[in-house]
C-alpha atoms as a PDB file:
ATOM      1  CA  MET A   1     122.398  83.006 104.613  1.00  0.00           C
ATOM      2  CA  ALA A   2     119.348  84.149 106.550  1.00  0.00           C
ATOM      3  CA  VAL A   3     116.467  85.595 104.585  1.00  0.00           C
ATOM      4  CA  SER A   4     114.329  88.321 106.148  1.00  0.00           C
ATOM      5  CA  ALA A   5     110.704  87.675 107.117  1.00  0.00           C
ATOM      6  CA  PRO A   6     109.351  90.069 104.445  1.00  0.00           C
ATOM      7  CA  THR A   7     111.405  88.304 101.761  1.00  0.00           C
ATOM      8  CA  THR A   8     110.123  84.933 102.975  1.00  0.00           C
ATOM      9  CA  LEU A   9     106.563  86.275 102.781  1.00  0.00           C
ATOM     10  CA  LEU A  10     107.163  87.599  99.271  1.00  0.00           C
ATOM     11  CA  ASN A  11     108.297  84.133  98.242  1.00  0.00           C
ATOM     12  CA  GLU A  12     105.105  82.705  99.718  1.00  0.00           C
ATOM     13  CA  ILE A  13     103.070  85.299  97.806  1.00  0.00           C
ATOM     14  CA  ARG A  14     104.874  84.252  94.618  1.00  0.00           C
ATOM     15  CA  GLU A  15     104.008  80.604  95.275  1.00  0.00           C
ATOM     16  CA  LEU A  16     100.392  81.457  96.120  1.00  0.00           C
ATOM     17  CA  SER A  17     100.135  83.584  92.974  1.00  0.00           C
ATOM     18  CA  SER A  18     101.220  80.573  90.963  1.00  0.00           C
ATOM     19  CA  ALA A  19      98.640  78.391  92.729  1.00  0.00           C
ATOM     20  CA  PHE A  20      95.962  81.026  92.118  1.00  0.00           C
ATOM     21  CA  LYS A  21      96.808  81.088  88.397  1.00  0.00           C
ATOM     22  CA  SER A  22      96.456  77.313  88.356  1.00  0.00           C
ATOM     23  CA  ARG A  23      93.026  77.652  89.963  1.00  0.00           C
ATOM     24  CA  LEU A  24      91.995  80.277  87.400  1.00  0.00           C
ATOM     25  CA  SER A  25      93.273  78.044  84.584  1.00  0.00           C
ATOM     26  CA  HIS A  26      91.149  75.220  85.962  1.00  0.00           C
ATOM     27  CA  GLU A  27      88.097  77.501  86.317  1.00  0.00           C
ATOM     28  CA  LEU A  28      88.396  78.531  82.668  1.00  0.00           C
ATOM     29  CA  SER A  29      89.467  75.044  81.442  1.00  0.00           C
ATOM     30  CA  VAL A  30      92.631  76.402  79.826  1.00  0.00           C
ATOM     31  CA  ASN A  31      96.345  75.704  80.099  1.00  0.00           C
ATOM     32  CA  SER A  32      98.818  78.255  81.460  1.00  0.00           C
ATOM     33  CA  THR A  33      99.772  79.641  78.030  1.00  0.00           C
ATOM     34  CA  ASP A  34      96.123  80.061  77.053  1.00  0.00           C
ATOM     35  CA  LEU A  35      95.503  81.802  80.384  1.00  0.00           C
ATOM     36  CA  GLU A  36      98.390  84.180  79.709  1.00  0.00           C
ATOM     37  CA  ALA A  37      96.813  85.023  76.344  1.00  0.00           C
ATOM     38  CA  MET A  38      93.474  85.594  78.071  1.00  0.00           C
ATOM     39  CA  GLU A  39      95.139  87.883  80.631  1.00  0.00           C
ATOM     40  CA  HIS A  40      96.455  90.104  77.828  1.00  0.00           C
ATOM     41  CA  LEU A  41      93.061  90.161  76.111  1.00  0.00           C
ATOM     42  CA  ILE A  42      91.156  90.889  79.318  1.00  0.00           C
ATOM     43  CA  GLN A  43      93.571  93.626  80.337  1.00  0.00           C
ATOM     44  CA  ASP A  44      93.976  95.321  76.967  1.00  0.00           C
ATOM     45  CA  GLY A  45      90.970  94.246  74.901  1.00  0.00           C
ATOM     46  CA  ALA A  46      91.068  93.115  71.296  1.00  0.00           C
ATOM     47  CA  LEU A  47      94.523  92.304  69.917  1.00  0.00           C
ATOM     48  CA  SER A  48      95.767  91.102  66.579  1.00  0.00           C
ATOM     49  CA  PRO A  49      97.217  87.596  66.507  1.00  0.00           C
ATOM     50  CA  THR A  50     100.589  89.153  65.644  1.00  0.00           C
ATOM     51  CA  GLU A  51     100.494  91.396  68.723  1.00  0.00           C
ATOM     52  CA  LEU A  52      99.407  88.491  70.897  1.00  0.00           C
ATOM     53  CA  ALA A  53     102.305  86.429  69.520  1.00  0.00           C
ATOM     54  CA  ARG A  54     104.727  89.254  70.330  1.00  0.00           C
ATOM     55  CA  ARG A  55     103.440  89.545  73.898  1.00  0.00           C
ATOM     56  CA  LEU A  56     103.590  85.797  74.472  1.00  0.00           C
ATOM     57  CA  ALA A  57     106.971  85.445  72.712  1.00  0.00           C
ATOM     58  CA  LEU A  58     105.485  82.778  70.440  1.00  0.00           C
ATOM     59  CA  THR A  59     105.131  82.299  66.702  1.00  0.00           C
ATOM     60  CA  THR A  60     101.955  83.401  64.992  1.00  0.00           C
ATOM     61  CA  ALA A  61     101.328  79.733  64.141  1.00  0.00           C
ATOM     62  CA  ALA A  62     101.431  78.854  67.850  1.00  0.00           C
ATOM     63  CA  VAL A  63      99.083  81.737  68.624  1.00  0.00           C
ATOM     64  CA  THR A  64      96.682  80.507  65.933  1.00  0.00           C
ATOM     65  CA  THR A  65      96.482  77.205  67.818  1.00  0.00           C
ATOM     66  CA  ILE A  66      95.906  79.042  71.107  1.00  0.00           C
ATOM     67  CA  VAL A  67      93.183  81.217  69.602  1.00  0.00           C
ATOM     68  CA  ASP A  68      91.548  78.145  68.043  1.00  0.00           C
ATOM     69  CA  ARG A  69      91.436  76.466  71.478  1.00  0.00           C
ATOM     70  CA  LEU A  70      90.118  79.596  73.183  1.00  0.00           C
ATOM     71  CA  ALA A  71      87.480  80.096  70.492  1.00  0.00           C
ATOM     72  CA  ALA A  72      86.350  76.461  70.774  1.00  0.00           C
ATOM     73  CA  LEU A  73      85.841  77.009  74.516  1.00  0.00           C
ATOM     74  CA  GLY A  74      83.895  80.229  73.910  1.00  0.00           C
ATOM     75  CA  HIS A  75      86.529  82.472  75.488  1.00  0.00           C
ATOM     76  CA  VAL A  76      87.328  84.551  72.401  1.00  0.00           C
ATOM     77  CA  SER A  77      86.027  85.392  68.969  1.00  0.00           C
ATOM     78  CA  ARG A  78      87.718  86.654  65.840  1.00  0.00           C
ATOM     79  CA  VAL A  79      86.427  89.870  64.304  1.00  0.00           C
ATOM     80  CA  PRO A  80      87.590  91.839  61.266  1.00  0.00           C
ATOM     81  CA  ASN A  81      90.321  94.350  62.039  1.00  0.00           C
ATOM     82  CA  PRO A  82      89.001  97.795  61.068  1.00  0.00           C
ATOM     83  CA  ALA A  83      92.584  99.040  60.656  1.00  0.00           C
ATOM     84  CA  ASP A  84      93.591  96.167  58.343  1.00  0.00           C
ATOM     85  CA  ARG A  85      90.901  94.793  56.049  1.00  0.00           C
ATOM     86  CA  ARG A  86      92.813  91.514  55.620  1.00  0.00           C
ATOM     87  CA  GLY A  87      93.470  91.081  59.330  1.00  0.00           C
ATOM     88  CA  VAL A  88      91.485  89.965  62.335  1.00  0.00           C
ATOM     89  CA  LEU A  89      91.374  90.881  65.975  1.00  0.00           C
ATOM     90  CA  VAL A  90      91.006  88.416  68.812  1.00  0.00           C
ATOM     91  CA  VAL A  91      88.341  89.621  71.247  1.00  0.00           C
ATOM     92  CA  PRO A  92      87.596  88.134  74.674  1.00  0.00           C
ATOM     93  CA  THR A  93      83.932  87.225  75.136  1.00  0.00           C
ATOM     94  CA  ALA A  94      81.983  89.089  77.806  1.00  0.00           C
ATOM     95  CA  ALA A  95      80.996  85.801  79.460  1.00  0.00           C
ATOM     96  CA  SER A  96      84.631  84.709  79.741  1.00  0.00           C
ATOM     97  CA  VAL A  97      85.738  88.040  81.126  1.00  0.00           C
ATOM     98  CA  ALA A  98      82.925  87.830  83.693  1.00  0.00           C
ATOM     99  CA  ARG A  99      83.986  84.289  84.701  1.00  0.00           C
ATOM    100  CA  ALA A 100      87.605  85.349  85.130  1.00  0.00           C
ATOM    101  CA  MET A 101      86.665  88.470  87.077  1.00  0.00           C
ATOM    102  CA  ALA A 102      84.321  86.508  89.354  1.00  0.00           C
ATOM    103  CA  THR A 103      87.350  84.509  90.476  1.00  0.00           C
ATOM    104  CA  LEU A 104      89.912  87.313  90.347  1.00  0.00           C
ATOM    105  CA  MET A 105      88.149  90.317  91.887  1.00  0.00           C
ATOM    106  CA  PRO A 106      87.393  88.890  95.354  1.00  0.00           C
ATOM    107  CA  MET A 107      91.104  88.147  95.777  1.00  0.00           C
ATOM    108  CA  VAL A 108      92.172  91.569  94.456  1.00  0.00           C
ATOM    109  CA  LEU A 109      89.653  93.391  96.653  1.00  0.00           C
ATOM    110  CA  GLY A 110      90.730  91.333  99.680  1.00  0.00           C
ATOM    111  CA  ILE A 111      94.342  92.353  99.122  1.00  0.00           C
ATOM    112  CA  ASP A 112      93.290  95.983  98.718  1.00  0.00           C
ATOM    113  CA  ARG A 113      91.199  95.861 101.921  1.00  0.00           C
ATOM    114  CA  ALA A 114      94.252  94.675 103.859  1.00  0.00           C
ATOM    115  CA  LEU A 115      95.729  98.148 103.328  1.00  0.00           C
ATOM    116  CA  ASP A 116      92.803  99.709 105.219  1.00  0.00           C
ATOM    117  CA  GLU A 117      94.447  98.548 108.468  1.00  0.00           C
ATOM    118  CA  PHE A 118      97.479 100.761 107.891  1.00  0.00           C
ATOM    119  CA  SER A 119      97.952 104.505 108.310  1.00  0.00           C
ATOM    120  CA  ALA A 120      98.709 106.681 105.298  1.00  0.00           C
ATOM    121  CA  ALA A 121     102.380 106.836 106.342  1.00  0.00           C
ATOM    122  CA  GLU A 122     102.559 103.044 106.666  1.00  0.00           C
ATOM    123  CA  ARG A 123     100.950 102.621 103.222  1.00  0.00           C
ATOM    124  CA  GLU A 124     103.594 104.963 101.779  1.00  0.00           C
ATOM    125  CA  THR A 125     106.315 102.797 103.343  1.00  0.00           C
ATOM    126  CA  ILE A 126     104.700  99.610 102.025  1.00  0.00           C
ATOM    127  CA  THR A 127     104.414 101.179  98.572  1.00  0.00           C
ATOM    128  CA  ARG A 128     108.076 102.265  98.578  1.00  0.00           C
ATOM    129  CA  TYR A 129     109.171  98.797  99.656  1.00  0.00           C
ATOM    130  CA  LEU A 130     107.101  97.095  96.960  1.00  0.00           C
ATOM    131  CA  GLU A 131     108.420  99.533  94.330  1.00  0.00           C
ATOM    132  CA  LYS A 132     111.950  98.462  95.307  1.00  0.00           C
ATOM    133  CA  VAL A 133     110.937  94.779  95.110  1.00  0.00           C
ATOM    134  CA  VAL A 134     109.495  95.353  91.627  1.00  0.00           C
ATOM    135  CA  ALA A 135     112.685  97.165  90.586  1.00  0.00           C
ATOM    136  CA  ALA A 136     114.797  94.230  91.842  1.00  0.00           C
ATOM    137  CA  TYR A 137     112.642  91.769  89.887  1.00  0.00           C
ATOM    138  CA  ARG A 138     112.883  93.909  86.742  1.00  0.00           C
ATOM    139  CA  LEU A 139     116.658  94.129  87.061  1.00  0.00           C
ATOM    140  CA  HIS A 140     116.956  90.348  87.155  1.00  0.00           C
ATOM    141  CA  VAL A 141     114.356  89.705  84.452  1.00  0.00           C
ATOM    142  CA  THR A 142     116.137  91.932  81.941  1.00  0.00           C
ATOM    143  CA  GLN A 143     119.619  90.480  82.517  1.00  0.00           C
END
């Protein structure tokens, strides 16, 4: 079965994304699970350990170990949860966020600049195609 050139390129993007995550893990001296936790914290800010466990599909005990590792590396801190006086929130440190963004943003901006070479109509077509790719992924992830 022949695969189209765009599908082949999407597979290459998937592989490169994985390699980029490995590079970011190395830059931050964390494993892939710790990086995934950091991604949630960087994207959404402070989270409770329970919420982090839910997002990572891990036990709270496993997340405690992750947070301990991240805290030891200076990537996160624990602060009292103002909504739950017995609870804590895990907060990414500004220095860690800056380190991650210093690696991430040049790549993101480079991808965004690639769109400057296309007309508005072509960008609409690219967007529609990528929306359909995302929908296909979602269909197969939820099965």
